[in-house]
C-alpha atoms as a PDB file:
ATOM      1  CA  MET A   1      70.502  90.424  64.907  1.00  0.00           C
ATOM      2  CA  LYS A   2      71.951  87.116  63.089  1.00  0.00           C
ATOM      3  CA  PHE A   3      69.504  83.921  63.074  1.00  0.00           C
ATOM      4  CA  GLU A   4      71.638  80.995  63.750  1.00  0.00           C
ATOM      5  CA  LEU A   5      70.212  77.919  62.307  1.00  0.00           C
ATOM      6  CA  THR A   6      70.614  74.359  63.513  1.00  0.00           C
ATOM      7  CA  LYS A   7      72.227  71.837  60.889  1.00  0.00           C
ATOM      8  CA  GLY A   8      71.417  68.211  60.931  1.00  0.00           C
ATOM      9  CA  ASN A   9      71.758  65.088  58.475  1.00  0.00           C
ATOM     10  CA  HIS A  10      68.423  66.081  56.743  1.00  0.00           C
ATOM     11  CA  SER A  11      67.147  69.189  59.234  1.00  0.00           C
ATOM     12  CA  VAL A  12      67.938  72.362  58.895  1.00  0.00           C
ATOM     13  CA  GLY A  13      66.193  75.354  61.439  1.00  0.00           C
ATOM     14  CA  GLU A  14      66.323  76.880  64.829  1.00  0.00           C
ATOM     15  CA  ALA A  15      64.022  75.306  67.805  1.00  0.00           C
ATOM     16  CA  ASN A  16      65.078  78.064  71.342  1.00  0.00           C
ATOM     17  CA  TYR A  17      62.709  77.777  74.412  1.00  0.00           C
ATOM     18  CA  HIS A  18      62.155  79.714  77.481  1.00  0.00           C
ATOM     19  CA  ILE A  19      62.043  77.021  80.240  1.00  0.00           C
ATOM     20  CA  GLN A  20      60.758  77.997  83.836  1.00  0.00           C
ATOM     21  CA  LEU A  21      60.845  75.507  86.922  1.00  0.00           C
ATOM     22  CA  THR A  22      58.756  76.089  89.694  1.00  0.00           C
ATOM     23  CA  PRO A  23      60.287  74.640  93.107  1.00  0.00           C
ATOM     24  CA  ALA A  24      58.265  72.193  95.281  1.00  0.00           C
ATOM     25  CA  TYR A  25      56.053  73.815  97.907  1.00  0.00           C
ATOM     26  CA  ARG A  26      56.805  77.113  96.066  1.00  0.00           C
ATOM     27  CA  ARG A  27      59.493  77.633  98.393  1.00  0.00           C
ATOM     28  CA  ARG A  28      61.722  80.377  98.140  1.00  0.00           C
ATOM     29  CA  ILE A  29      64.829  78.235  97.826  1.00  0.00           C
ATOM     30  CA  PHE A  30      66.832  80.850  95.486  1.00  0.00           C
ATOM     31  CA  GLU A  31      66.880  83.091  98.304  1.00  0.00           C
ATOM     32  CA  GLU A  32      70.162  81.124  99.438  1.00  0.00           C
ATOM     33  CA  GLU A  33      73.427  81.563  97.087  1.00  0.00           C
ATOM     34  CA  LEU A  34      74.508  77.656  97.323  1.00  0.00           C
ATOM     35  CA  THR A  35      70.913  76.711  96.213  1.00  0.00           C
ATOM     36  CA  LYS A  36      71.340  78.569  93.226  1.00  0.00           C
ATOM     37  CA  VAL A  37      74.985  77.498  92.644  1.00  0.00           C
ATOM     38  CA  LEU A  38      74.295  74.266  93.239  1.00  0.00           C
ATOM     39  CA  THR A  39      70.711  74.033  91.213  1.00  0.00           C
ATOM     40  CA  ARG A  40      72.602  75.891  88.292  1.00  0.00           C
ATOM     41  CA  ASP A  41      74.771  73.153  88.124  1.00  0.00           C
ATOM     42  CA  TYR A  42      73.227  70.062  88.384  1.00  0.00           C
ATOM     43  CA  ILE A  43      71.178  71.728  85.498  1.00  0.00           C
ATOM     44  CA  LEU A  44      74.163  72.494  83.485  1.00  0.00           C
ATOM     45  CA  ALA A  45      75.100  69.657  83.942  1.00  0.00           C
ATOM     46  CA  ALA A  46      72.288  67.540  82.222  1.00  0.00           C
ATOM     47  CA  ALA A  47      71.870  69.788  80.203  1.00  0.00           C
ATOM     48  CA  LYS A  48      75.889  69.385  78.687  1.00  0.00           C
ATOM     49  CA  ARG A  49      75.346  65.443  79.564  1.00  0.00           C
ATOM     50  CA  HIS A  50      71.922  65.172  77.304  1.00  0.00           C
ATOM     51  CA  GLY A  51      73.130  67.892  74.628  1.00  0.00           C
ATOM     52  CA  ILE A  52      71.060  70.401  75.142  1.00  0.00           C
ATOM     53  CA  GLU A  53      72.641  74.723  74.761  1.00  0.00           C
ATOM     54  CA  ILE A  54      71.763  76.646  77.973  1.00  0.00           C
ATOM     55  CA  SER A  55      72.441  80.145  76.770  1.00  0.00           C
ATOM     56  CA  ALA A  56      70.852  81.667  80.415  1.00  0.00           C
ATOM     57  CA  ILE A  57      70.019  80.682  83.803  1.00  0.00           C
ATOM     58  CA  GLY A  58      67.871  83.581  86.212  1.00  0.00           C
ATOM     59  CA  PHE A  59      66.764  82.857  89.113  1.00  0.00           C
ATOM     60  CA  GLY A  60      63.636  84.686  91.384  1.00  0.00           C
ATOM     61  CA  PRO A  61      63.705  83.827  95.219  1.00  0.00           C
ATOM     62  CA  ASP A  62      61.063  81.168  94.191  1.00  0.00           C
ATOM     63  CA  HIS A  63      61.555  79.704  90.137  1.00  0.00           C
ATOM     64  CA  CYS A  64      63.814  79.567  87.763  1.00  0.00           C
ATOM     65  CA  HIS A  65      63.846  80.762  84.099  1.00  0.00           C
ATOM     66  CA  ILE A  66      66.276  78.581  81.688  1.00  0.00           C
ATOM     67  CA  PHE A  67      66.819  79.647  78.200  1.00  0.00           C
ATOM     68  CA  VAL A  68      68.000  76.859  75.722  1.00  0.00           C
ATOM     69  CA  ALA A  69      69.288  77.513  72.387  1.00  0.00           C
ATOM     70  CA  GLY A  70      69.154  75.578  69.375  1.00  0.00           C
ATOM     71  CA  CYS A  71      67.162  72.775  70.676  1.00  0.00           C
ATOM     72  CA  LYS A  72      66.575  70.380  67.200  1.00  0.00           C
ATOM     73  CA  ASN A  73      66.723  66.569  68.990  1.00  0.00           C
ATOM     74  CA  HIS A  74      64.927  67.431  72.184  1.00  0.00           C
ATOM     75  CA  SER A  75      61.190  68.889  72.376  1.00  0.00           C
ATOM     76  CA  PRO A  76      60.648  70.937  75.712  1.00  0.00           C
ATOM     77  CA  ALA A  77      59.130  68.423  77.532  1.00  0.00           C
ATOM     78  CA  ASP A  78      62.044  66.397  77.206  1.00  0.00           C
ATOM     79  CA  VAL A  79      64.264  69.201  78.595  1.00  0.00           C
ATOM     80  CA  ALA A  80      61.904  70.300  81.164  1.00  0.00           C
ATOM     81  CA  ARG A  81      62.091  66.490  82.481  1.00  0.00           C
ATOM     82  CA  LEU A  82      65.538  65.958  82.102  1.00  0.00           C
ATOM     83  CA  LEU A  83      67.150  68.738  83.586  1.00  0.00           C
ATOM     84  CA  LYS A  84      65.207  68.604  86.221  1.00  0.00           C
ATOM     85  CA  GLY A  85      65.223  64.884  86.667  1.00  0.00           C
ATOM     86  CA  PHE A  86      68.458  65.540  87.073  1.00  0.00           C
ATOM     87  CA  SER A  87      69.181  68.385  89.341  1.00  0.00           C
ATOM     88  CA  SER A  88      65.782  67.338  91.570  1.00  0.00           C
ATOM     89  CA  ARG A  89      67.956  64.388  92.171  1.00  0.00           C
ATOM     90  CA  MET A  90      71.303  65.178  92.886  1.00  0.00           C
ATOM     91  CA  MET A  91      69.260  68.036  95.178  1.00  0.00           C
ATOM     92  CA  ARG A  92      67.728  65.459  96.966  1.00  0.00           C
ATOM     93  CA  LYS A  93      70.696  63.062  96.998  1.00  0.00           C
ATOM     94  CA  HIS A  94      73.335  65.462  98.397  1.00  0.00           C
ATOM     95  CA  HIS A  95      71.984  68.703  99.876  1.00  0.00           C
ATOM     96  CA  HIS A  96      68.242  68.393 100.811  1.00  0.00           C
ATOM     97  CA  ARG A  97      69.137  69.930 104.180  1.00  0.00           C
ATOM     98  CA  LEU A  98      69.786  72.917 102.963  1.00  0.00           C
ATOM     99  CA  PHE A  99      66.088  73.471 101.996  1.00  0.00           C
ATOM    100  CA  TRP A 100      64.209  70.427 103.687  1.00  0.00           C
ATOM    101  CA  GLY A 101      65.743  69.799 107.058  1.00  0.00           C
ATOM    102  CA  LYS A 102      67.157  66.552 108.213  1.00  0.00           C
ATOM    103  CA  LEU A 103      64.168  64.500 106.932  1.00  0.00           C
ATOM    104  CA  ARG A 104      64.475  62.718 102.848  1.00  0.00           C
ATOM    105  CA  ALA A 105      62.761  65.265 100.146  1.00  0.00           C
ATOM    106  CA  HIS A 106      60.524  63.523  97.636  1.00  0.00           C
ATOM    107  CA  LYS A 107      60.593  66.084  95.313  1.00  0.00           C
ATOM    108  CA  PHE A 108      63.129  69.272  94.640  1.00  0.00           C
ATOM    109  CA  TRP A 109      60.928  70.316  91.614  1.00  0.00           C
ATOM    110  CA  THR A 110      56.529  71.303  90.636  1.00  0.00           C
ATOM    111  CA  ALA A 111      55.306  68.596  88.025  1.00  0.00           C
ATOM    112  CA  GLY A 112      54.211  71.284  85.772  1.00  0.00           C
ATOM    113  CA  TYR A 113      56.884  74.017  84.423  1.00  0.00           C
ATOM    114  CA  PHE A 114      56.165  76.978  81.982  1.00  0.00           C
ATOM    115  CA  TYR A 115      57.741  76.759  78.540  1.00  0.00           C
ATOM    116  CA  ARG A 116      57.914  79.548  75.378  1.00  0.00           C
ATOM    117  CA  THR A 117      59.337  79.227  72.107  1.00  0.00           C
ATOM    118  CA  VAL A 118      61.009  81.530  71.224  1.00  0.00           C
ATOM    119  CA  GLY A 119      62.752  83.247  67.755  1.00  0.00           C
ATOM    120  CA  ALA A 120      66.393  84.073  67.585  1.00  0.00           C
ATOM    121  CA  VAL A 121      67.572  85.525  71.096  1.00  0.00           C
ATOM    122  CA  ASN A 122      71.233  87.458  71.395  1.00  0.00           C
ATOM    123  CA  ALA A 123      72.058  86.996  74.223  1.00  0.00           C
ATOM    124  CA  GLU A 124      71.526  90.914  75.760  1.00  0.00           C
ATOM    125  CA  THR A 125      68.259  90.415  74.976  1.00  0.00           C
ATOM    126  CA  VAL A 126      68.005  87.619  77.846  1.00  0.00           C
ATOM    127  CA  LYS A 127      70.268  89.367  79.928  1.00  0.00           C
ATOM    128  CA  ARG A 128      67.851  92.061  80.149  1.00  0.00           C
ATOM    129  CA  TYR A 129      64.841  90.450  80.058  1.00  0.00           C
ATOM    130  CA  VAL A 130      65.778  87.977  83.066  1.00  0.00           C
ATOM    131  CA  GLU A 131      67.058  91.465  85.227  1.00  0.00           C
ATOM    132  CA  GLU A 132      63.919  93.876  84.431  1.00  0.00           C
ATOM    133  CA  SER A 133      61.272  90.622  84.932  1.00  0.00           C
ATOM    134  CA  GLN A 134      62.548  89.642  87.845  1.00  0.00           C
ATOM    135  CA  GLU A 135      62.413  92.715  90.236  1.00  0.00           C
ATOM    136  CA  LYS A 136      59.099  92.108  91.248  1.00  0.00           C
ATOM    137  CA  HIS A 137      60.284  89.278  92.663  1.00  0.00           C
ATOM    138  CA  TRP A 138      62.428  90.704  95.236  1.00  0.00           C
ATOM    139  CA  SER A 139      61.040  92.122  97.510  1.00  0.00           C
ATOM    140  CA  ASP A 140      64.137  94.007  99.434  1.00  0.00           C
ATOM    141  CA  ARG A 141      67.090  95.096  97.110  1.00  0.00           C
ATOM    142  CA  ARG A 142      69.512  93.363  99.163  1.00  0.00           C
ATOM    143  CA  GLN A 143      67.805  90.608  98.838  1.00  0.00           C
ATOM    144  CA  ARG A 144      68.228  90.907  94.818  1.00  0.00           C
ATOM    145  CA  ASN A 145      70.973  88.589  94.473  1.00  0.00           C
ATOM    146  CA  LEU A 146      70.427  87.230  91.037  1.00  0.00           C
ATOM    147  CA  ILE A 147      72.038  84.595  89.398  1.00  0.00           C
ATOM    148  CA  GLN A 148      72.322  85.645  86.135  1.00  0.00           C
ATOM    149  CA  PHE A 149      74.104  83.608  83.572  1.00  0.00           C
ATOM    150  CA  ARG A 150      74.884  84.300  80.042  1.00  0.00           C
ATOM    151  CA  LEU A 151      76.438  81.348  78.549  1.00  0.00           C
ATOM    152  CA  GLN A 152      79.510  81.155  75.906  1.00  0.00           C
END
């Protein structure tokens, strides 16, 4: 495995994060394909806007895993805040009827998040983790239609 270091004007290093986000009230909203796709797209748009490189995204029925690579300018708290804030705002503004009916939802994500710093992670390792660790969350094999993205 080759280690890729991020170089800045005054620094050289590596910062990779595994972040897990959970929808409000632990609802199983990611069983719907459209919700997964929309959430993924908004997370990727927020990441692009803030210069955050996402190497993989995976969904369980009630949570989302995001692997962030080479993130030298943002702490895990910043990454979670930026990704959750934009995706929540867009999902509530444009797609709230998909998962909460006619009432305007006050929040999309829970207040908290999980994060872990990880060493150099290649795409194959991420893909294997997302595939193997998420099987336990899907009760029906037909439901197991996880969106797994290996980006770049």
